[in-house]
């Protein structure tokens, strides 16, 4: 009579390892996006506030059936106008006051800010690498 072989079930261990690899892959991708956005923006940096606001807001964690994390700009009210562009109009006055380098002020009805995307190009560069980062973390 032939000796029977048994299989060992490693399902829970594989699932745990895959979740850890997903979290690591997402965190590394978000970190790469932050670095890319800080290095490759097109605006002239005067104060560093916008660049300094680019960060990971919520590190990767399990959320329902998947893994979720959040990165972007925190606590900088003018971040979106730089990314998307748009027109700024006065809310509580008749005109906008624009400070000038010589200390003077120019009053205007509105200002149009051109789009200077920095988050989307970073995501477009780094997101395609996510699967490879997860695979590398899983194979370790």
N, C-alpha and C. Protein backbone atom coordinates (compact mmCIF):
# COMPACT_ATOMS: atom_id res chain seq x y z
N UNK A 1 0.84 -1.17 0.00
CA UNK A 1 0.00 0.00 0.00
C UNK A 1 0.89 1.24 0.00
N UNK A 2 0.52 2.21 -0.82
CA UNK A 2 1.31 3.44 -0.95
C UNK A 2 1.05 4.35 0.24
N UNK A 3 2.11 5.01 0.63
CA UNK A 3 2.01 5.95 1.75
C UNK A 3 1.31 7.22 1.26
N UNK A 4 0.34 7.69 2.02
CA UNK A 4 -0.39 8.90 1.60
C UNK A 4 0.38 10.15 2.02
N UNK A 5 0.18 11.18 1.24
CA UNK A 5 0.81 12.47 1.54
C UNK A 5 -0.29 13.43 1.98
N UNK A 6 0.07 14.29 2.87
CA UNK A 6 -0.91 15.29 3.30
C UNK A 6 -0.41 16.68 2.92
N UNK A 7 -1.34 17.56 2.72
CA UNK A 7 -1.02 18.94 2.40
C UNK A 7 -1.18 19.79 3.64
N UNK A 8 -0.30 20.75 3.80
CA UNK A 8 -0.45 21.71 4.89
C UNK A 8 -1.10 22.96 4.33
N UNK A 9 -2.07 23.47 5.02
CA UNK A 9 -2.78 24.67 4.60
C UNK A 9 -2.11 25.89 5.23
N UNK A 10 -1.62 26.79 4.41
CA UNK A 10 -0.95 28.00 4.89
C UNK A 10 -1.77 29.25 4.60
N UNK A 11 -3.05 29.08 4.34
CA UNK A 11 -3.92 30.20 3.97
C UNK A 11 -3.81 31.42 4.85
N UNK A 12 -4.02 31.29 6.17
CA UNK A 12 -3.95 32.48 7.02
C UNK A 12 -2.59 33.17 6.99
N UNK A 13 -1.52 32.40 6.94
CA UNK A 13 -0.18 32.99 6.90
C UNK A 13 0.05 33.73 5.58
N UNK A 14 -0.42 33.14 4.48
CA UNK A 14 -0.27 33.78 3.17
C UNK A 14 -1.08 35.08 3.13
N UNK A 15 -2.28 35.04 3.68
CA UNK A 15 -3.14 36.23 3.70
C UNK A 15 -2.50 37.34 4.53
N UNK A 16 -1.94 37.00 5.67
CA UNK A 16 -1.27 37.98 6.53
C UNK A 16 -0.06 38.57 5.83
N UNK A 17 0.72 37.72 5.18
CA UNK A 17 1.91 38.18 4.47
C UNK A 17 1.53 39.10 3.30
N UNK A 18 0.46 38.76 2.60
CA UNK A 18 0.01 39.58 1.47
C UNK A 18 -0.48 40.94 1.94
N UNK A 19 -1.22 40.97 3.03
CA UNK A 19 -1.70 42.25 3.56
C UNK A 19 -0.52 43.14 3.98
N UNK A 20 0.47 42.55 4.62
CA UNK A 20 1.65 43.32 5.02
C UNK A 20 2.38 43.85 3.78
N UNK A 21 2.48 43.02 2.74
CA UNK A 21 3.13 43.44 1.50
C UNK A 21 2.35 44.57 0.82
N UNK A 22 1.02 44.48 0.86
CA UNK A 22 0.20 45.55 0.28
C UNK A 22 0.42 46.87 1.02
N UNK A 23 0.42 46.80 2.34
CA UNK A 23 0.64 48.02 3.13
C UNK A 23 2.02 48.61 2.85
N UNK A 24 3.03 47.76 2.80
CA UNK A 24 4.38 48.25 2.51
C UNK A 24 4.46 48.85 1.11
N UNK A 25 3.85 48.19 0.14
CA UNK A 25 3.86 48.71 -1.23
C UNK A 25 3.16 50.05 -1.35
N UNK A 26 2.01 50.19 -0.69
CA UNK A 26 1.27 51.45 -0.72
C UNK A 26 2.09 52.55 -0.03
N UNK A 27 2.67 52.24 1.14
CA UNK A 27 3.47 53.25 1.85
C UNK A 27 4.68 53.69 1.02
N UNK A 28 5.36 52.74 0.39
CA UNK A 28 6.52 53.11 -0.43
C UNK A 28 6.11 53.93 -1.65
N UNK A 29 4.96 53.61 -2.22
CA UNK A 29 4.48 54.37 -3.36
C UNK A 29 4.09 55.79 -2.95
N UNK A 30 3.40 55.93 -1.82
CA UNK A 30 3.05 57.27 -1.34
C UNK A 30 4.31 58.07 -1.02
N UNK A 31 5.29 57.44 -0.40
CA UNK A 31 6.55 58.13 -0.09
C UNK A 31 7.24 58.61 -1.37
N UNK A 32 7.25 57.76 -2.38
CA UNK A 32 7.85 58.13 -3.66
C UNK A 32 7.09 59.29 -4.31
N UNK A 33 5.77 59.30 -4.18
CA UNK A 33 4.96 60.40 -4.71
C UNK A 33 5.30 61.71 -4.01
N UNK A 34 5.44 61.67 -2.69
CA UNK A 34 5.77 62.87 -1.92
C UNK A 34 7.12 63.42 -2.39
N UNK A 35 8.11 62.55 -2.49
CA UNK A 35 9.44 62.98 -2.93
C UNK A 35 9.38 63.55 -4.34
N UNK A 36 8.68 62.87 -5.23
CA UNK A 36 8.56 63.31 -6.62
C UNK A 36 7.89 64.68 -6.69
N UNK A 37 6.80 64.87 -5.96
CA UNK A 37 6.08 66.15 -5.99
C UNK A 37 6.94 67.29 -5.44
N UNK A 38 7.72 67.01 -4.39
CA UNK A 38 8.57 68.05 -3.81
C UNK A 38 9.73 68.42 -4.74
N UNK A 39 10.22 67.46 -5.49
CA UNK A 39 11.38 67.72 -6.36
C UNK A 39 11.01 68.28 -7.72
N UNK A 40 9.81 68.00 -8.19
CA UNK A 40 9.48 68.29 -9.58
C UNK A 40 8.39 69.34 -9.78
N UNK A 41 8.13 70.17 -8.79
CA UNK A 41 7.13 71.23 -8.99
C UNK A 41 7.72 72.33 -9.86
N UNK A 42 6.82 73.16 -10.43
CA UNK A 42 7.26 74.20 -11.36
C UNK A 42 7.13 75.61 -10.80
N UNK A 43 6.62 75.77 -9.59
CA UNK A 43 6.47 77.12 -9.05
C UNK A 43 7.77 77.57 -8.39
N UNK A 44 7.93 78.89 -8.28
CA UNK A 44 9.09 79.43 -7.58
C UNK A 44 8.81 79.40 -6.09
N UNK A 45 9.67 78.75 -5.35
CA UNK A 45 9.46 78.56 -3.92
C UNK A 45 9.96 79.78 -3.16
N UNK A 46 9.04 80.49 -2.48
CA UNK A 46 9.44 81.66 -1.71
C UNK A 46 9.48 81.37 -0.22
N UNK A 47 8.48 80.67 0.28
CA UNK A 47 8.43 80.42 1.73
C UNK A 47 8.64 78.96 2.09
N UNK A 48 8.40 78.05 1.16
CA UNK A 48 8.54 76.63 1.44
C UNK A 48 7.32 76.01 2.10
N UNK A 49 6.27 76.81 2.33
CA UNK A 49 5.08 76.30 3.03
C UNK A 49 4.36 75.25 2.19
N UNK A 50 4.13 75.54 0.92
CA UNK A 50 3.42 74.59 0.06
C UNK A 50 4.21 73.30 -0.10
N UNK A 51 5.48 73.43 -0.40
CA UNK A 51 6.33 72.24 -0.54
C UNK A 51 6.40 71.46 0.76
N UNK A 52 6.50 72.16 1.88
CA UNK A 52 6.55 71.50 3.18
C UNK A 52 5.26 70.82 3.57
N UNK A 53 4.14 71.24 2.96
CA UNK A 53 2.84 70.64 3.27
C UNK A 53 2.60 69.33 2.55
N UNK A 54 3.43 68.99 1.57
CA UNK A 54 3.27 67.74 0.82
C UNK A 54 3.75 66.60 1.72
N UNK A 55 2.85 65.68 2.03
CA UNK A 55 3.20 64.62 2.98
C UNK A 55 2.19 63.48 2.90
N UNK A 56 2.48 62.43 3.64
CA UNK A 56 1.53 61.33 3.80
C UNK A 56 0.59 61.73 4.93
N UNK A 57 -0.70 61.75 4.63
CA UNK A 57 -1.70 62.14 5.63
C UNK A 57 -2.17 60.94 6.45
N UNK A 58 -2.22 59.78 5.81
CA UNK A 58 -2.74 58.58 6.46
C UNK A 58 -1.99 57.38 5.90
N UNK A 59 -1.15 56.77 6.72
CA UNK A 59 -0.37 55.62 6.25
C UNK A 59 -1.28 54.45 5.91
N UNK A 60 -0.77 53.55 5.09
CA UNK A 60 -1.56 52.43 4.59
C UNK A 60 -2.11 51.58 5.72
N UNK A 61 -3.36 51.17 5.54
CA UNK A 61 -4.03 50.30 6.49
C UNK A 61 -5.10 49.52 5.74
N UNK A 62 -5.55 48.43 6.34
CA UNK A 62 -6.61 47.63 5.74
C UNK A 62 -7.93 48.37 5.88
N UNK A 63 -8.67 48.43 4.78
CA UNK A 63 -9.94 49.14 4.77
C UNK A 63 -10.93 48.30 3.97
N UNK A 64 -11.80 47.61 4.67
CA UNK A 64 -12.73 46.72 3.98
C UNK A 64 -11.96 45.58 3.35
N UNK A 65 -12.08 45.43 2.04
CA UNK A 65 -11.39 44.35 1.35
C UNK A 65 -10.05 44.75 0.77
N UNK A 66 -9.60 45.97 1.00
CA UNK A 66 -8.35 46.41 0.38
C UNK A 66 -7.47 47.19 1.32
N UNK A 67 -6.48 47.83 0.74
CA UNK A 67 -5.52 48.61 1.49
C UNK A 67 -5.63 50.06 1.04
N UNK A 68 -5.64 50.98 2.00
CA UNK A 68 -5.86 52.38 1.70
C UNK A 68 -4.85 53.25 2.43
N UNK A 69 -4.40 54.30 1.77
CA UNK A 69 -3.54 55.32 2.37
C UNK A 69 -3.83 56.64 1.67
N UNK A 70 -3.44 57.75 2.28
CA UNK A 70 -3.71 59.07 1.72
C UNK A 70 -2.46 59.93 1.77
N UNK A 71 -2.16 60.59 0.67
CA UNK A 71 -1.05 61.55 0.63
C UNK A 71 -1.53 62.78 -0.13
N UNK A 72 -0.83 63.87 0.04
CA UNK A 72 -1.19 65.11 -0.64
C UNK A 72 -0.64 66.29 0.12
N UNK A 73 -1.37 67.40 0.10
CA UNK A 73 -0.95 68.61 0.81
C UNK A 73 -1.91 68.85 1.96
N UNK A 74 -1.34 69.06 3.14
CA UNK A 74 -2.15 69.32 4.32
C UNK A 74 -1.94 70.75 4.80
N UNK A 75 -3.04 71.36 5.22
CA UNK A 75 -3.00 72.65 5.91
C UNK A 75 -2.42 73.80 5.08
N UNK A 76 -2.59 73.76 3.77
CA UNK A 76 -2.15 74.86 2.91
C UNK A 76 -3.34 75.23 2.02
N UNK A 77 -3.99 76.34 2.34
CA UNK A 77 -5.26 76.69 1.68
C UNK A 77 -5.11 76.94 0.18
N UNK A 78 -3.94 77.36 -0.28
CA UNK A 78 -3.77 77.68 -1.69
C UNK A 78 -3.18 76.53 -2.50
N UNK A 79 -3.09 75.35 -1.92
CA UNK A 79 -2.49 74.20 -2.62
C UNK A 79 -3.29 73.83 -3.87
N UNK A 80 -4.60 73.79 -3.75
CA UNK A 80 -5.42 73.35 -4.88
C UNK A 80 -5.35 74.31 -6.07
N UNK A 81 -5.30 75.60 -5.81
CA UNK A 81 -5.24 76.57 -6.91
C UNK A 81 -3.92 76.41 -7.68
N UNK A 82 -2.86 76.02 -7.01
CA UNK A 82 -1.59 75.75 -7.71
C UNK A 82 -1.71 74.50 -8.57
N UNK A 83 -2.33 73.47 -8.04
CA UNK A 83 -2.48 72.20 -8.77
C UNK A 83 -3.40 72.35 -9.98
N UNK A 84 -4.58 72.93 -9.77
CA UNK A 84 -5.61 72.96 -10.80
C UNK A 84 -5.70 74.28 -11.57
N UNK A 85 -5.15 75.35 -11.00
CA UNK A 85 -5.32 76.67 -11.60
C UNK A 85 -6.73 77.18 -11.34
N UNK A 86 -6.98 78.43 -11.70
CA UNK A 86 -8.31 78.99 -11.52
C UNK A 86 -8.27 80.49 -11.34
N UNK A 87 -9.43 81.05 -11.12
CA UNK A 87 -9.57 82.49 -10.95
C UNK A 87 -9.93 82.79 -9.50
N UNK A 88 -9.25 83.77 -8.93
CA UNK A 88 -9.51 84.20 -7.55
C UNK A 88 -10.20 85.56 -7.63
N UNK A 89 -11.35 85.65 -6.97
CA UNK A 89 -12.11 86.90 -6.91
C UNK A 89 -12.26 87.31 -5.45
N UNK A 90 -12.40 88.60 -5.19
CA UNK A 90 -12.56 89.03 -3.79
C UNK A 90 -13.89 88.55 -3.22
N UNK A 91 -13.89 88.17 -1.95
CA UNK A 91 -15.12 87.74 -1.28
C UNK A 91 -15.70 88.85 -0.43
N UNK A 92 -14.84 89.50 0.32
CA UNK A 92 -15.31 90.48 1.31
C UNK A 92 -14.87 91.90 0.99
N UNK A 93 -14.49 92.15 -0.25
CA UNK A 93 -14.04 93.49 -0.65
C UNK A 93 -14.36 93.68 -2.13
N UNK A 94 -14.21 94.89 -2.60
CA UNK A 94 -14.46 95.17 -4.01
C UNK A 94 -13.29 94.74 -4.89
N UNK A 95 -12.09 94.74 -4.32
CA UNK A 95 -10.87 94.44 -5.09
C UNK A 95 -9.97 93.50 -4.29
N UNK A 96 -9.09 92.82 -5.00
CA UNK A 96 -8.01 92.05 -4.37
C UNK A 96 -6.81 92.96 -4.22
N UNK A 97 -6.11 92.88 -3.11
CA UNK A 97 -4.89 93.66 -2.89
C UNK A 97 -3.70 92.75 -3.14
N UNK A 98 -2.88 93.10 -4.12
CA UNK A 98 -1.71 92.30 -4.49
C UNK A 98 -0.46 93.05 -4.06
N UNK A 99 0.25 92.53 -3.04
CA UNK A 99 1.49 93.19 -2.60
C UNK A 99 2.55 93.15 -3.71
N UNK A 100 3.32 94.20 -3.82
CA UNK A 100 4.37 94.30 -4.83
C UNK A 100 5.75 94.23 -4.15
N UNK A 101 6.77 93.82 -4.90
CA UNK A 101 8.12 93.70 -4.32
C UNK A 101 8.65 95.01 -3.73
N UNK A 102 8.21 96.15 -4.28
CA UNK A 102 8.71 97.43 -3.79
C UNK A 102 7.96 97.93 -2.55
N UNK A 103 7.03 97.12 -2.05
CA UNK A 103 6.27 97.50 -0.86
C UNK A 103 4.92 98.10 -1.18
N UNK A 104 4.67 98.41 -2.43
CA UNK A 104 3.38 98.96 -2.83
C UNK A 104 2.32 97.86 -2.95
N UNK A 105 1.12 98.28 -3.29
CA UNK A 105 0.00 97.36 -3.46
C UNK A 105 -0.74 97.72 -4.74
N UNK A 106 -1.14 96.70 -5.50
CA UNK A 106 -1.95 96.89 -6.69
C UNK A 106 -3.32 96.27 -6.40
N UNK A 107 -4.39 96.98 -6.74
CA UNK A 107 -5.75 96.49 -6.52
C UNK A 107 -6.33 96.01 -7.86
N UNK A 108 -6.86 94.78 -7.87
CA UNK A 108 -7.41 94.19 -9.10
C UNK A 108 -8.76 93.54 -8.81
N UNK A 109 -9.55 93.34 -9.88
CA UNK A 109 -10.86 92.71 -9.74
C UNK A 109 -10.75 91.20 -9.54
N UNK A 110 -9.79 90.58 -10.20
CA UNK A 110 -9.59 89.14 -10.09
C UNK A 110 -8.18 88.79 -10.55
N UNK A 111 -7.74 87.60 -10.19
CA UNK A 111 -6.43 87.10 -10.59
C UNK A 111 -6.63 85.69 -11.12
N UNK A 112 -6.05 85.41 -12.28
CA UNK A 112 -6.11 84.06 -12.83
C UNK A 112 -4.76 83.39 -12.60
N UNK A 113 -4.80 82.27 -11.91
CA UNK A 113 -3.60 81.50 -11.59
C UNK A 113 -3.53 80.33 -12.57
N UNK A 114 -2.44 80.18 -13.32
CA UNK A 114 -2.33 79.03 -14.22
C UNK A 114 -2.12 77.74 -13.42
N UNK A 115 -2.59 76.64 -13.97
CA UNK A 115 -2.37 75.34 -13.32
C UNK A 115 -0.88 75.03 -13.33
N UNK A 116 -0.38 74.60 -12.18
CA UNK A 116 1.01 74.15 -12.05
C UNK A 116 0.98 72.81 -11.33
N UNK A 117 0.49 71.77 -12.01
CA UNK A 117 0.31 70.48 -11.33
C UNK A 117 1.62 69.91 -10.81
N UNK A 118 1.56 69.36 -9.63
CA UNK A 118 2.71 68.72 -9.00
C UNK A 118 2.31 67.41 -8.34
N UNK A 119 1.06 67.28 -7.90
CA UNK A 119 0.60 66.02 -7.30
C UNK A 119 0.25 64.99 -8.37
N UNK A 120 -0.54 65.39 -9.37
CA UNK A 120 -0.96 64.45 -10.41
C UNK A 120 0.24 63.89 -11.18
N UNK A 121 1.21 64.71 -11.61
CA UNK A 121 2.37 64.13 -12.30
C UNK A 121 3.15 63.14 -11.42
N UNK A 122 3.23 63.42 -10.13
CA UNK A 122 3.91 62.49 -9.22
C UNK A 122 3.16 61.17 -9.16
N UNK A 123 1.83 61.24 -9.06
CA UNK A 123 1.01 60.03 -9.03
C UNK A 123 1.13 59.27 -10.36
N UNK A 124 1.10 59.99 -11.47
CA UNK A 124 1.20 59.35 -12.78
C UNK A 124 2.53 58.63 -12.95
N UNK A 125 3.58 59.14 -12.32
CA UNK A 125 4.90 58.51 -12.40
C UNK A 125 5.01 57.30 -11.47
N UNK A 126 4.50 57.43 -10.25
CA UNK A 126 4.74 56.41 -9.22
C UNK A 126 3.67 55.32 -9.12
N UNK A 127 2.41 55.62 -9.40
CA UNK A 127 1.35 54.61 -9.24
C UNK A 127 1.58 53.36 -10.09
N UNK A 128 2.09 53.47 -11.32
CA UNK A 128 2.32 52.25 -12.10
C UNK A 128 3.34 51.30 -11.45
N UNK A 129 4.12 51.78 -10.51
CA UNK A 129 5.14 50.96 -9.84
C UNK A 129 4.59 50.23 -8.61
N UNK A 130 3.32 50.48 -8.26
CA UNK A 130 2.74 49.92 -7.04
C UNK A 130 2.75 48.40 -7.04
N UNK A 131 2.30 47.76 -8.10
CA UNK A 131 2.25 46.30 -8.14
C UNK A 131 3.63 45.69 -7.95
N UNK A 132 4.64 46.27 -8.58
CA UNK A 132 6.01 45.78 -8.42
C UNK A 132 6.51 45.93 -6.99
N UNK A 133 6.14 47.02 -6.33
CA UNK A 133 6.55 47.23 -4.94
C UNK A 133 5.87 46.21 -4.02
N UNK A 134 4.61 45.91 -4.28
CA UNK A 134 3.90 44.91 -3.47
C UNK A 134 4.54 43.54 -3.69
N UNK A 135 4.82 43.21 -4.94
CA UNK A 135 5.43 41.91 -5.25
C UNK A 135 6.79 41.77 -4.56
N UNK A 136 7.59 42.82 -4.63
CA UNK A 136 8.92 42.79 -4.01
C UNK A 136 8.80 42.59 -2.49
N UNK A 137 7.86 43.30 -1.87
CA UNK A 137 7.67 43.16 -0.42
C UNK A 137 7.19 41.75 -0.07
N UNK A 138 6.34 41.18 -0.91
CA UNK A 138 5.81 39.84 -0.64
C UNK A 138 6.89 38.77 -0.77
N UNK A 139 7.78 38.95 -1.74
CA UNK A 139 8.81 37.94 -2.00
C UNK A 139 9.96 37.97 -1.00
N UNK A 140 10.03 39.02 -0.20
CA UNK A 140 11.09 39.09 0.79
C UNK A 140 10.88 38.13 1.91
